[in-house]
Amino acid sequence: MSLAAISALGSAAQISPATSLGSAGSVSSGTTAATDSSGFGNALTQAINSLDQSQSTASTAATQLATGKSTDTVTAVTDVENAQLEMELASQITSKTLSAVQTIFQTQV
């Protein structure tokens, strides 16, 4: 499995505490941590870009192998397997996230 997709999500040490988000005044002025380049949105964008890149690489390798432009079957199969594993990981993360959101919405206060 490719570690690029997992490492793009970052580690727990990179998660900033809630106190660094600023006051309500700074939220309305648009100067919050949301514009920080190391935030969750950036990590998600990097993970999606990594997934897209691996899919593109696998597609290119498979096309080159099918058209005879490449004879390296090991690299082509490895690229396709990596892309498949990254897609399965993304699918599982999506499923777990949706399940967690549904649980939160069903929680009574």
Protein backbone atom coordinates (compact mmCIF):
# COMPACT_ATOMS: atom_id res chain seq x y z
CA MET A 1 0.00 0.00 0.00
CA SER A 2 1.26 3.46 -0.81
CA LEU A 3 2.18 5.54 2.17
CA ALA A 4 1.76 8.77 0.21
CA ALA A 5 -1.99 8.83 0.78
CA ILE A 6 -1.60 8.12 4.47
CA SER A 7 1.29 10.52 5.04
CA ALA A 8 -0.58 13.26 3.21
CA LEU A 9 -3.13 13.23 6.00
CA GLY A 10 -0.45 14.27 8.47
CA SER A 11 0.18 13.19 12.01
CA ALA A 12 -1.59 14.02 15.23
CA ALA A 13 1.30 16.31 16.13
CA GLN A 14 0.33 18.64 13.30
CA ILE A 15 -3.24 19.14 14.53
CA SER A 16 -3.55 22.58 16.06
CA PRO A 17 -5.53 22.94 19.29
CA ALA A 18 -8.93 24.61 19.25
CA THR A 19 -7.56 27.58 21.19
CA SER A 20 -5.49 28.66 18.19
CA LEU A 21 -8.56 29.26 16.06
CA GLY A 22 -8.89 32.80 17.31
CA SER A 23 -11.75 34.79 18.73
CA ALA A 24 -15.20 35.25 17.24
CA GLY A 25 -14.09 38.66 15.92
CA SER A 26 -11.27 37.11 13.96
CA VAL A 27 -13.56 34.46 12.52
CA SER A 28 -15.83 37.06 10.98
CA SER A 29 -12.89 39.05 9.67
CA GLY A 30 -11.54 36.01 7.82
CA THR A 31 -8.17 35.79 9.59
CA THR A 32 -8.56 32.31 11.07
CA ALA A 33 -6.56 29.13 10.95
CA ALA A 34 -8.73 28.10 7.99
CA THR A 35 -6.36 30.02 5.74
CA ASP A 36 -3.39 28.09 7.20
CA SER A 37 -1.68 25.94 4.57
CA SER A 38 -1.17 23.06 7.01
CA GLY A 39 -4.84 22.65 7.90
CA PHE A 40 -7.23 19.78 7.37
CA GLY A 41 -8.45 21.15 4.04
CA ASN A 42 -4.90 21.26 2.69
CA ALA A 43 -4.22 17.71 3.91
CA LEU A 44 -7.42 16.51 2.27
CA THR A 45 -6.52 18.28 -0.97
CA GLN A 46 -3.07 16.69 -0.95
CA ALA A 47 -4.55 13.24 -0.33
CA ILE A 48 -7.02 13.66 -3.19
CA ASN A 49 -4.26 14.91 -5.49
CA SER A 50 -2.13 11.89 -4.53
CA LEU A 51 -5.04 9.58 -5.30
CA ASP A 52 -5.60 11.29 -8.65
CA GLN A 53 -1.90 11.04 -9.50
CA SER A 54 -1.78 7.32 -8.69
CA GLN A 55 -4.90 6.70 -10.81
CA SER A 56 -3.32 8.60 -13.68
CA THR A 57 -0.04 6.70 -13.34
CA ALA A 58 -1.87 3.37 -13.32
CA SER A 59 -3.93 4.32 -16.35
CA THR A 60 -0.84 5.39 -18.26
CA ALA A 61 1.06 2.22 -17.34
CA ALA A 62 -1.86 -0.01 -18.33
CA THR A 63 -2.34 1.82 -21.64
CA GLN A 64 1.35 1.61 -22.49
CA LEU A 65 1.38 -2.09 -21.66
CA ALA A 66 -1.74 -2.74 -23.74
CA THR A 67 -0.45 -0.83 -26.76
CA GLY A 68 2.99 -2.46 -26.62
CA LYS A 69 4.87 0.74 -25.81
CA SER A 70 6.06 -0.85 -22.57
CA THR A 71 7.10 -4.40 -21.81
CA ASP A 72 7.62 -3.92 -18.08
CA THR A 73 4.65 -5.84 -16.72
CA VAL A 74 5.88 -5.70 -13.11
CA THR A 75 5.80 -1.90 -13.02
CA ALA A 76 2.40 -1.76 -14.70
CA VAL A 77 0.85 -4.28 -12.30
CA THR A 78 2.45 -2.55 -9.32
CA ASP A 79 1.09 0.84 -10.41
CA VAL A 80 -2.40 -0.57 -10.90
CA GLU A 81 -2.30 -2.35 -7.51
CA ASN A 82 -1.11 0.80 -5.74
CA ALA A 83 -3.91 2.79 -7.34
CA GLN A 84 -6.44 0.15 -6.33
CA LEU A 85 -5.21 0.11 -2.73
CA GLU A 86 -5.28 3.90 -2.50
CA MET A 87 -8.84 3.94 -3.87
CA GLU A 88 -9.92 1.30 -1.34
CA LEU A 89 -8.34 3.35 1.45
CA ALA A 90 -10.14 6.50 0.29
CA SER A 91 -13.40 4.57 0.10
CA GLN A 92 -12.99 3.19 3.62
CA ILE A 93 -12.13 6.63 4.99
CA THR A 94 -15.23 8.05 3.29
CA SER A 95 -17.44 5.29 4.72
CA LYS A 96 -16.07 5.75 8.24
CA THR A 97 -16.45 9.52 8.01
CA LEU A 98 -20.06 9.27 6.84
CA SER A 99 -20.80 6.79 9.60
CA ALA A 100 -19.31 9.14 12.19
CA VAL A 101 -21.28 12.11 10.84
CA GLN A 102 -24.51 10.09 10.95
CA THR A 103 -23.76 9.08 14.53
CA ILE A 104 -23.19 12.70 15.47
CA PHE A 105 -26.44 13.77 13.82
CA GLN A 106 -28.35 11.03 15.66
CA THR A 107 -26.94 12.04 19.03
CA GLN A 108 -29.57 13.64 21.22
CA VAL A 109 -28.63 16.56 23.39
